[in-house]
Amino acid sequence: MNSDMTLASASGEALLRAAIADTLARHLPQADLSRFAPEARLNEDLALDSIMLLQLLVHLELEHGLAIPEEAVIGEELRRVDDLVARLDQWQREAGL
């Protein structure tokens, strides 16, 4: 991987993290954003249950134009913020975005 691709990927990940934090703040205020960090656990640290995670994904898709395949969410092992960022990044690449 060349340095340009690494930089693009890193900036893309930062944008995805920012979109997640923004969406949580605006639509899921019960989430504990004081603990928001790449390594934060979605359930234990941010207090997101499975329904809240689905709501987050819907808002990310509708408001930020992210491609999130419905079938891909079922059975996903999304434990940390960066797990979600990695999957979102992968889904965007698979969708050609």
PDB file of N, CA and C in Angstrom:
ATOM      1  N   MET A   1       0.855  -1.172   0.000  1.00  0.00           N
ATOM      2  CA  MET A   1       0.000   0.000   0.000  1.00  0.00           C
ATOM      3  C   MET A   1       0.899   1.232   0.000  1.00  0.00           C
ATOM      4  N   ASN A   2       0.654   2.165  -0.926  1.00  0.00           N
ATOM      5  CA  ASN A   2       1.488   3.357  -0.951  1.00  0.00           C
ATOM      6  C   ASN A   2       1.014   4.373   0.074  1.00  0.00           C
ATOM      7  N   SER A   3       1.849   5.398   0.304  1.00  0.00           N
ATOM      8  CA  SER A   3       1.526   6.369   1.354  1.00  0.00           C
ATOM      9  C   SER A   3       0.286   7.178   1.021  1.00  0.00           C
ATOM     10  N   ASP A   4       0.019   7.435  -0.283  1.00  0.00           N
ATOM     11  CA  ASP A   4      -1.197   8.168  -0.660  1.00  0.00           C
ATOM     12  C   ASP A   4      -2.442   7.385  -0.284  1.00  0.00           C
ATOM     13  N   MET A   5      -2.427   6.071  -0.521  1.00  0.00           N
ATOM     14  CA  MET A   5      -3.578   5.240  -0.176  1.00  0.00           C
ATOM     15  C   MET A   5      -3.758   5.182   1.335  1.00  0.00           C
ATOM     16  N   THR A   6      -2.648   5.112   2.066  1.00  0.00           N
ATOM     17  CA  THR A   6      -2.733   5.084   3.520  1.00  0.00           C
ATOM     18  C   THR A   6      -3.319   6.383   4.039  1.00  0.00           C
ATOM     19  N   LEU A   7      -2.862   7.507   3.494  1.00  0.00           N
ATOM     20  CA  LEU A   7      -3.372   8.811   3.906  1.00  0.00           C
ATOM     21  C   LEU A   7      -4.845   8.944   3.561  1.00  0.00           C
ATOM     22  N   ALA A   8      -5.231   8.534   2.360  1.00  0.00           N
ATOM     23  CA  ALA A   8      -6.639   8.615   1.966  1.00  0.00           C
ATOM     24  C   ALA A   8      -7.494   7.749   2.872  1.00  0.00           C
ATOM     25  N   SER A   9      -7.009   6.564   3.180  1.00  0.00           N
ATOM     26  CA  SER A   9      -7.752   5.668   4.060  1.00  0.00           C
ATOM     27  C   SER A   9      -7.860   6.257   5.459  1.00  0.00           C
ATOM     28  N   ALA A  10      -6.767   6.819   5.955  1.00  0.00           N
ATOM     29  CA  ALA A  10      -6.781   7.405   7.299  1.00  0.00           C
ATOM     30  C   ALA A  10      -7.729   8.587   7.364  1.00  0.00           C
ATOM     31  N   SER A  11      -7.715   9.442   6.332  1.00  0.00           N
ATOM     32  CA  SER A  11      -8.622  10.593   6.356  1.00  0.00           C
ATOM     33  C   SER A  11     -10.057  10.134   6.181  1.00  0.00           C
ATOM     34  N   GLY A  12     -10.278   9.083   5.391  1.00  0.00           N
ATOM     35  CA  GLY A  12     -11.621   8.527   5.251  1.00  0.00           C
ATOM     36  C   GLY A  12     -12.129   7.963   6.564  1.00  0.00           C
ATOM     37  N   GLU A  13     -11.259   7.304   7.295  1.00  0.00           N
ATOM     38  CA  GLU A  13     -11.641   6.761   8.600  1.00  0.00           C
ATOM     39  C   GLU A  13     -11.972   7.884   9.570  1.00  0.00           C
ATOM     40  N   ALA A  14     -11.205   8.961   9.539  1.00  0.00           N
ATOM     41  CA  ALA A  14     -11.484  10.104  10.417  1.00  0.00           C
ATOM     42  C   ALA A  14     -12.838  10.722  10.072  1.00  0.00           C
ATOM     43  N   LEU A  15     -13.138  10.819   8.774  1.00  0.00           N
ATOM     44  CA  LEU A  15     -14.441  11.354   8.357  1.00  0.00           C
ATOM     45  C   LEU A  15     -15.573  10.440   8.803  1.00  0.00           C
ATOM     46  N   LEU A  16     -15.379   9.140   8.701  1.00  0.00           N
ATOM     47  CA  LEU A  16     -16.405   8.200   9.150  1.00  0.00           C
ATOM     48  C   LEU A  16     -16.612   8.305  10.658  1.00  0.00           C
ATOM     49  N   ARG A  17     -15.516   8.406  11.418  1.00  0.00           N
ATOM     50  CA  ARG A  17     -15.640   8.572  12.871  1.00  0.00           C
ATOM     51  C   ARG A  17     -16.401   9.849  13.203  1.00  0.00           C
ATOM     52  N   ALA A  18     -16.095  10.938  12.483  1.00  0.00           N
ATOM     53  CA  ALA A  18     -16.785  12.216  12.721  1.00  0.00           C
ATOM     54  C   ALA A  18     -18.265  12.104  12.387  1.00  0.00           C
ATOM     55  N   ALA A  19     -18.593  11.396  11.303  1.00  0.00           N
ATOM     56  CA  ALA A  19     -20.001  11.204  10.933  1.00  0.00           C
ATOM     57  C   ALA A  19     -20.731  10.393  11.998  1.00  0.00           C
ATOM     58  N   ILE A  20     -20.072   9.384  12.541  1.00  0.00           N
ATOM     59  CA  ILE A  20     -20.682   8.573  13.605  1.00  0.00           C
ATOM     60  C   ILE A  20     -20.940   9.434  14.838  1.00  0.00           C
ATOM     61  N   ALA A  21     -19.938  10.194  15.266  1.00  0.00           N
ATOM     62  CA  ALA A  21     -20.094  11.041  16.457  1.00  0.00           C
ATOM     63  C   ALA A  21     -21.194  12.075  16.251  1.00  0.00           C
ATOM     64  N   ASP A  22     -21.223  12.704  15.079  1.00  0.00           N
ATOM     65  CA  ASP A  22     -22.243  13.708  14.773  1.00  0.00           C
ATOM     66  C   ASP A  22     -23.636  13.095  14.787  1.00  0.00           C
ATOM     67  N   THR A  23     -23.771  11.942  14.178  1.00  0.00           N
ATOM     68  CA  THR A  23     -25.073  11.271  14.108  1.00  0.00           C
ATOM     69  C   THR A  23     -25.536  10.844  15.494  1.00  0.00           C
ATOM     70  N   LEU A  24     -24.634  10.328  16.289  1.00  0.00           N
ATOM     71  CA  LEU A  24     -24.998   9.957  17.661  1.00  0.00           C
ATOM     72  C   LEU A  24     -25.467  11.178  18.444  1.00  0.00           C
ATOM     73  N   ALA A  25     -24.742  12.273  18.332  1.00  0.00           N
ATOM     74  CA  ALA A  25     -25.088  13.483  19.088  1.00  0.00           C
ATOM     75  C   ALA A  25     -26.454  14.024  18.683  1.00  0.00           C
ATOM     76  N   ARG A  26     -26.757  13.975  17.391  1.00  0.00           N
ATOM     77  CA  ARG A  26     -28.009  14.562  16.918  1.00  0.00           C
ATOM     78  C   ARG A  26     -29.212  13.648  17.069  1.00  0.00           C
ATOM     79  N   HIS A  27     -29.026  12.346  16.927  1.00  0.00           N
ATOM     80  CA  HIS A  27     -30.176  11.444  16.872  1.00  0.00           C
ATOM     81  C   HIS A  27     -30.275  10.453  18.030  1.00  0.00           C
ATOM     82  N   LEU A  28     -29.180  10.219  18.709  1.00  0.00           N
ATOM     83  CA  LEU A  28     -29.184   9.251  19.811  1.00  0.00           C
ATOM     84  C   LEU A  28     -28.505   9.880  21.022  1.00  0.00           C
ATOM     85  N   PRO A  29     -29.138  10.913  21.588  1.00  0.00           N
ATOM     86  CA  PRO A  29     -28.500  11.650  22.685  1.00  0.00           C
ATOM     87  C   PRO A  29     -28.272  10.813  23.937  1.00  0.00           C
ATOM     88  N   GLN A  30     -28.931   9.664  24.035  1.00  0.00           N
ATOM     89  CA  GLN A  30     -28.715   8.806  25.196  1.00  0.00           C
ATOM     90  C   GLN A  30     -27.372   8.076  25.128  1.00  0.00           C
ATOM     91  N   ALA A  31     -26.713   8.112  23.973  1.00  0.00           N
ATOM     92  CA  ALA A  31     -25.381   7.513  23.859  1.00  0.00           C
ATOM     93  C   ALA A  31     -24.397   8.326  24.702  1.00  0.00           C
ATOM     94  N   ASP A  32     -23.448   7.644  25.316  1.00  0.00           N
ATOM     95  CA  ASP A  32     -22.460   8.291  26.180  1.00  0.00           C
ATOM     96  C   ASP A  32     -21.273   8.755  25.341  1.00  0.00           C
ATOM     97  N   LEU A  33     -21.384   9.959  24.777  1.00  0.00           N
ATOM     98  CA  LEU A  33     -20.330  10.470  23.901  1.00  0.00           C
ATOM     99  C   LEU A  33     -19.089  10.928  24.661  1.00  0.00           C
ATOM    100  N   SER A  34     -19.178  11.031  25.971  1.00  0.00           N
ATOM    101  CA  SER A  34     -17.994  11.411  26.746  1.00  0.00           C
ATOM    102  C   SER A  34     -16.902  10.346  26.625  1.00  0.00           C
ATOM    103  N   ARG A  35     -17.278   9.151  26.225  1.00  0.00           N
ATOM    104  CA  ARG A  35     -16.314   8.048  26.098  1.00  0.00           C
ATOM    105  C   ARG A  35     -16.037   7.698  24.635  1.00  0.00           C
ATOM    106  N   PHE A  36     -16.497   8.547  23.701  1.00  0.00           N
ATOM    107  CA  PHE A  36     -16.313   8.273  22.276  1.00  0.00           C
ATOM    108  C   PHE A  36     -14.833   8.334  21.914  1.00  0.00           C
ATOM    109  N   ALA A  37     -14.342   7.255  21.347  1.00  0.00           N
ATOM    110  CA  ALA A  37     -12.953   7.132  20.904  1.00  0.00           C
ATOM    111  C   ALA A  37     -12.898   5.947  19.950  1.00  0.00           C
ATOM    112  N   PRO A  38     -11.849   5.844  19.135  1.00  0.00           N
ATOM    113  CA  PRO A  38     -11.762   4.715  18.207  1.00  0.00           C
ATOM    114  C   PRO A  38     -11.889   3.357  18.887  1.00  0.00           C
ATOM    115  N   GLU A  39     -11.333   3.230  20.088  1.00  0.00           N
ATOM    116  CA  GLU A  39     -11.360   1.941  20.789  1.00  0.00           C
ATOM    117  C   GLU A  39     -12.575   1.776  21.697  1.00  0.00           C
ATOM    118  N   ALA A  40     -13.453   2.770  21.750  1.00  0.00           N
ATOM    119  CA  ALA A  40     -14.638   2.682  22.616  1.00  0.00           C
ATOM    120  C   ALA A  40     -15.540   1.534  22.174  1.00  0.00           C
ATOM    121  N   ARG A  41     -16.022   0.790  23.150  1.00  0.00           N
ATOM    122  CA  ARG A  41     -16.944  -0.311  22.870  1.00  0.00           C
ATOM    123  C   ARG A  41     -18.347   0.266  22.704  1.00  0.00           C
ATOM    124  N   LEU A  42     -19.017  -0.163  21.646  1.00  0.00           N
ATOM    125  CA  LEU A  42     -20.328   0.399  21.317  1.00  0.00           C
ATOM    126  C   LEU A  42     -21.334   0.183  22.434  1.00  0.00           C
ATOM    127  N   ASN A  43     -21.388  -1.010  22.979  1.00  0.00           N
ATOM    128  CA  ASN A  43     -22.376  -1.307  24.008  1.00  0.00           C
ATOM    129  C   ASN A  43     -21.905  -0.860  25.389  1.00  0.00           C
ATOM    130  N   GLU A  44     -20.758  -1.337  25.807  1.00  0.00           N
ATOM    131  CA  GLU A  44     -20.302  -1.099  27.171  1.00  0.00           C
ATOM    132  C   GLU A  44     -19.906   0.349  27.439  1.00  0.00           C
ATOM    133  N   ASP A  45     -19.232   1.000  26.487  1.00  0.00           N
ATOM    134  CA  ASP A  45     -18.746   2.362  26.706  1.00  0.00           C
ATOM    135  C   ASP A  45     -19.738   3.431  26.245  1.00  0.00           C
ATOM    136  N   LEU A  46     -20.337   3.217  25.070  1.00  0.00           N
ATOM    137  CA  LEU A  46     -21.231   4.238  24.510  1.00  0.00           C
ATOM    138  C   LEU A  46     -22.699   3.992  24.837  1.00  0.00           C
ATOM    139  N   ALA A  47     -22.995   2.861  25.453  1.00  0.00           N
ATOM    140  CA  ALA A  47     -24.367   2.503  25.859  1.00  0.00           C
ATOM    141  C   ALA A  47     -25.315   2.346  24.673  1.00  0.00           C
ATOM    142  N   LEU A  48     -24.798   1.804  23.556  1.00  0.00           N
ATOM    143  CA  LEU A  48     -25.640   1.538  22.389  1.00  0.00           C
ATOM    144  C   LEU A  48     -26.116   0.094  22.423  1.00  0.00           C
ATOM    145  N   ASP A  49     -27.422  -0.103  22.377  1.00  0.00           N
ATOM    146  CA  ASP A  49     -27.936  -1.461  22.248  1.00  0.00           C
ATOM    147  C   ASP A  49     -28.126  -1.760  20.756  1.00  0.00           C
ATOM    148  N   SER A  50     -28.607  -2.940  20.430  1.00  0.00           N
ATOM    149  CA  SER A  50     -28.713  -3.344  19.026  1.00  0.00           C
ATOM    150  C   SER A  50     -29.692  -2.468  18.242  1.00  0.00           C
ATOM    151  N   ILE A  51     -30.772  -2.035  18.870  1.00  0.00           N
ATOM    152  CA  ILE A  51     -31.742  -1.166  18.191  1.00  0.00           C
ATOM    153  C   ILE A  51     -31.117   0.195  17.911  1.00  0.00           C
ATOM    154  N   MET A  52     -30.393   0.725  18.875  1.00  0.00           N
ATOM    155  CA  MET A  52     -29.731   2.016  18.680  1.00  0.00           C
ATOM    156  C   MET A  52     -28.675   1.933  17.585  1.00  0.00           C
ATOM    157  N   LEU A  53     -27.979   0.801  17.498  1.00  0.00           N
ATOM    158  CA  LEU A  53     -26.989   0.623  16.443  1.00  0.00           C
ATOM    159  C   LEU A  53     -27.669   0.627  15.079  1.00  0.00           C
ATOM    160  N   LEU A  54     -28.795  -0.039  14.966  1.00  0.00           N
ATOM    161  CA  LEU A  54     -29.543  -0.017  13.701  1.00  0.00           C
ATOM    162  C   LEU A  54     -30.002   1.397  13.363  1.00  0.00           C
ATOM    163  N   GLN A  55     -30.472   2.143  14.365  1.00  0.00           N
ATOM    164  CA  GLN A  55     -30.877   3.530  14.134  1.00  0.00           C
ATOM    165  C   GLN A  55     -29.688   4.363  13.655  1.00  0.00           C
ATOM    166  N   LEU A  56     -28.542   4.148  14.260  1.00  0.00           N
ATOM    167  CA  LEU A  56     -27.332   4.849  13.846  1.00  0.00           C
ATOM    168  C   LEU A  56     -27.019   4.560  12.383  1.00  0.00           C
ATOM    169  N   LEU A  57     -27.073   3.289  11.998  1.00  0.00           N
ATOM    170  CA  LEU A  57     -26.772   2.912  10.622  1.00  0.00           C
ATOM    171  C   LEU A  57     -27.758   3.537   9.638  1.00  0.00           C
ATOM    172  N   VAL A  58     -29.036   3.554   9.995  1.00  0.00           N
ATOM    173  CA  VAL A  58     -30.048   4.159   9.118  1.00  0.00           C
ATOM    174  C   VAL A  58     -29.763   5.647   8.935  1.00  0.00           C
ATOM    175  N   HIS A  59     -29.482   6.352  10.021  1.00  0.00           N
ATOM    176  CA  HIS A  59     -29.189   7.788   9.921  1.00  0.00           C
ATOM    177  C   HIS A  59     -27.915   8.039   9.116  1.00  0.00           C
ATOM    178  N   LEU A  60     -26.894   7.206   9.291  1.00  0.00           N
ATOM    179  CA  LEU A  60     -25.667   7.360   8.513  1.00  0.00           C
ATOM    180  C   LEU A  60     -25.947   7.184   7.025  1.00  0.00           C
ATOM    181  N   GLU A  61     -26.773   6.222   6.709  1.00  0.00           N
ATOM    182  CA  GLU A  61     -27.111   5.963   5.312  1.00  0.00           C
ATOM    183  C   GLU A  61     -27.916   7.116   4.721  1.00  0.00           C
ATOM    184  N   LEU A  62     -28.935   7.564   5.428  1.00  0.00           N
ATOM    185  CA  LEU A  62     -29.823   8.601   4.903  1.00  0.00           C
ATOM    186  C   LEU A  62     -29.174   9.984   4.869  1.00  0.00           C
ATOM    187  N   GLU A  63     -28.440  10.329   5.889  1.00  0.00           N
ATOM    188  CA  GLU A  63     -27.924  11.691   5.999  1.00  0.00           C
ATOM    189  C   GLU A  63     -26.530  11.885   5.424  1.00  0.00           C
ATOM    190  N   HIS A  64     -25.757  10.824   5.386  1.00  0.00           N
ATOM    191  CA  HIS A  64     -24.385  10.948   4.905  1.00  0.00           C
ATOM    192  C   HIS A  64     -24.165  10.195   3.594  1.00  0.00           C
ATOM    193  N   GLY A  65     -25.221   9.585   3.074  1.00  0.00           N
ATOM    194  CA  GLY A  65     -25.127   8.899   1.796  1.00  0.00           C
ATOM    195  C   GLY A  65     -24.255   7.662   1.808  1.00  0.00           C
ATOM    196  N   LEU A  66     -24.087   7.060   2.972  1.00  0.00           N
ATOM    197  CA  LEU A  66     -23.258   5.862   3.053  1.00  0.00           C
ATOM    198  C   LEU A  66     -24.026   4.644   2.564  1.00  0.00           C
ATOM    199  N   ALA A  67     -23.326   3.762   1.881  1.00  0.00           N
ATOM    200  CA  ALA A  67     -23.924   2.513   1.410  1.00  0.00           C
ATOM    201  C   ALA A  67     -23.815   1.480   2.525  1.00  0.00           C
ATOM    202  N   ILE A  68     -24.976   1.033   3.004  1.00  0.00           N
ATOM    203  CA  ILE A  68     -25.001   0.028   4.069  1.00  0.00           C
ATOM    204  C   ILE A  68     -25.959  -1.072   3.637  1.00  0.00           C
ATOM    205  N   PRO A  69     -25.418  -2.200   3.158  1.00  0.00           N
ATOM    206  CA  PRO A  69     -26.288  -3.288   2.712  1.00  0.00           C
ATOM    207  C   PRO A  69     -27.033  -3.916   3.885  1.00  0.00           C
ATOM    208  N   GLU A  70     -28.333  -4.059   3.736  1.00  0.00           N
ATOM    209  CA  GLU A  70     -29.156  -4.598   4.824  1.00  0.00           C
ATOM    210  C   GLU A  70     -28.678  -5.971   5.281  1.00  0.00           C
ATOM    211  N   GLU A  71     -28.372  -6.827   4.332  1.00  0.00           N
ATOM    212  CA  GLU A  71     -27.973  -8.182   4.694  1.00  0.00           C
ATOM    213  C   GLU A  71     -26.614  -8.214   5.387  1.00  0.00           C
ATOM    214  N   ALA A  72     -25.804  -7.195   5.191  1.00  0.00           N
ATOM    215  CA  ALA A  72     -24.475  -7.173   5.800  1.00  0.00           C
ATOM    216  C   ALA A  72     -24.532  -6.889   7.292  1.00  0.00           C
ATOM    217  N   VAL A  73     -25.592  -6.252   7.745  1.00  0.00           N
ATOM    218  CA  VAL A  73     -25.695  -5.877   9.154  1.00  0.00           C
ATOM    219  C   VAL A  73     -26.020  -7.081  10.023  1.00  0.00           C
ATOM    220  N   ILE A  74     -26.755  -8.024   9.478  1.00  0.00           N
ATOM    221  CA  ILE A  74     -27.166  -9.198  10.247  1.00  0.00           C
ATOM    222  C   ILE A  74     -25.937 -10.038  10.576  1.00  0.00           C
ATOM    223  N   GLY A  75     -25.757 -10.302  11.835  1.00  0.00           N
ATOM    224  CA  GLY A  75     -24.651 -11.150  12.268  1.00  0.00           C
ATOM    225  C   GLY A  75     -23.305 -10.455  12.328  1.00  0.00           C
ATOM    226  N   GLU A  76     -23.275  -9.149  12.107  1.00  0.00           N
ATOM    227  CA  GLU A  76     -22.006  -8.422  12.172  1.00  0.00           C
ATOM    228  C   GLU A  76     -21.480  -8.416  13.601  1.00  0.00           C
ATOM    229  N   GLU A  77     -20.200  -8.501  13.721  1.00  0.00           N
ATOM    230  CA  GLU A  77     -19.539  -8.455  15.021  1.00  0.00           C
ATOM    231  C   GLU A  77     -18.931  -7.062  15.161  1.00  0.00           C
ATOM    232  N   LEU A  78     -19.761  -6.117  15.535  1.00  0.00           N
ATOM    233  CA  LEU A  78     -19.333  -4.729  15.681  1.00  0.00           C
ATOM    234  C   LEU A  78     -19.257  -4.411  17.168  1.00  0.00           C
ATOM    235  N   ARG A  79     -18.070  -4.469  17.711  1.00  0.00           N
ATOM    236  CA  ARG A  79     -17.902  -4.253  19.149  1.00  0.00           C
ATOM    237  C   ARG A  79     -17.391  -2.848  19.480  1.00  0.00           C
ATOM    238  N   ARG A  80     -16.497  -2.323  18.646  1.00  0.00           N
ATOM    239  CA  ARG A  80     -15.868  -1.036  18.934  1.00  0.00           C
ATOM    240  C   ARG A  80     -16.183  -0.029  17.828  1.00  0.00           C
ATOM    241  N   VAL A  81     -15.946   1.231  18.113  1.00  0.00           N
ATOM    242  CA  VAL A  81     -16.150   2.279  17.107  1.00  0.00           C
ATOM    243  C   VAL A  81     -15.341   1.951  15.859  1.00  0.00           C
ATOM    244  N   ASP A  82     -14.083   1.563  16.026  1.00  0.00           N
ATOM    245  CA  ASP A  82     -13.265   1.276  14.852  1.00  0.00           C
ATOM    246  C   ASP A  82     -13.689   0.014  14.103  1.00  0.00           C
ATOM    247  N   ASP A  83     -14.368  -0.927  14.745  1.00  0.00           N
ATOM    248  CA  ASP A  83     -14.955  -2.056  14.013  1.00  0.00           C
ATOM    249  C   ASP A  83     -16.015  -1.526  13.052  1.00  0.00           C
ATOM    250  N   LEU A  84     -16.843  -0.614  13.543  1.00  0.00           N
ATOM    251  CA  LEU A  84     -17.887  -0.010  12.716  1.00  0.00           C
ATOM    252  C   LEU A  84     -17.268   0.813  11.594  1.00  0.00           C
ATOM    253  N   VAL A  85     -16.239   1.587  11.901  1.00  0.00           N
ATOM    254  CA  VAL A  85     -15.556   2.393  10.885  1.00  0.00           C
ATOM    255  C   VAL A  85     -14.987   1.489   9.788  1.00  0.00           C
ATOM    256  N   ALA A  86     -14.349   0.397  10.172  1.00  0.00           N
ATOM    257  CA  ALA A  86     -13.757  -0.521   9.190  1.00  0.00           C
ATOM    258  C   ALA A  86     -14.822  -1.124   8.277  1.00  0.00           C
ATOM    259  N   ARG A  87     -15.952  -1.529   8.853  1.00  0.00           N
ATOM    260  CA  ARG A  87     -17.027  -2.109   8.034  1.00  0.00           C
ATOM    261  C   ARG A  87     -17.643  -1.057   7.125  1.00  0.00           C
ATOM    262  N   LEU A  88     -17.874   0.150   7.644  1.00  0.00           N
ATOM    263  CA  LEU A  88     -18.423   1.221   6.809  1.00  0.00           C
ATOM    264  C   LEU A  88     -17.486   1.511   5.646  1.00  0.00           C
ATOM    265  N   ASP A  89     -16.193   1.562   5.926  1.00  0.00           N
ATOM    266  CA  ASP A  89     -15.201   1.799   4.881  1.00  0.00           C
ATOM    267  C   ASP A  89     -15.247   0.684   3.840  1.00  0.00           C
ATOM    268  N   GLN A  90     -15.325  -0.547   4.293  1.00  0.00           N
ATOM    269  CA  GLN A  90     -15.387  -1.686   3.374  1.00  0.00           C
ATOM    270  C   GLN A  90     -16.649  -1.624   2.519  1.00  0.00           C
ATOM    271  N   TRP A  91     -17.792  -1.335   3.142  1.00  0.00           N
ATOM    272  CA  TRP A  91     -19.045  -1.264   2.391  1.00  0.00           C
ATOM    273  C   TRP A  91     -19.004  -0.162   1.336  1.00  0.00           C
ATOM    274  N   GLN A  92     -18.332   0.964   1.645  1.00  0.00           N
ATOM    275  CA  GLN A  92     -18.246   2.054   0.673  1.00  0.00           C
ATOM    276  C   GLN A  92     -17.391   1.623  -0.514  1.00  0.00           C
ATOM    277  N   ARG A  93     -16.276   0.945  -0.236  1.00  0.00           N
ATOM    278  CA  ARG A  93     -15.417   0.466  -1.320  1.00  0.00           C
ATOM    279  C   ARG A  93     -16.143  -0.556  -2.179  1.00  0.00           C
ATOM    280  N   GLU A  94     -16.886  -1.469  -1.543  1.00  0.00           N
ATOM    281  CA  GLU A  94     -17.635  -2.482  -2.293  1.00  0.00           C
ATOM    282  C   GLU A  94     -18.712  -1.846  -3.160  1.00  0.00           C
ATOM    283  N   ALA A  95     -19.266  -0.724  -2.700  1.00  0.00           N
ATOM    284  CA  ALA A  95     -20.310  -0.023  -3.454  1.00  0.00           C
ATOM    285  C   ALA A  95     -19.711   0.922  -4.494  1.00  0.00           C
ATOM    286  N   GLY A  96     -18.381   1.023  -4.520  1.00  0.00           N
ATOM    287  CA  GLY A  96     -17.720   1.893  -5.480  1.00  0.00           C
ATOM    288  C   GLY A  96     -17.780   3.362  -5.118  1.00  0.00           C
ATOM    289  N   LEU A  97     -17.989   3.645  -3.841  1.00  0.00           N
ATOM    290  CA  LEU A  97     -18.067   5.049  -3.393  1.00  0.00           C
ATOM    291  C   LEU A  97     -16.729   5.537  -2.887  1.00  0.00           C
TER     292      LEU A  97
END
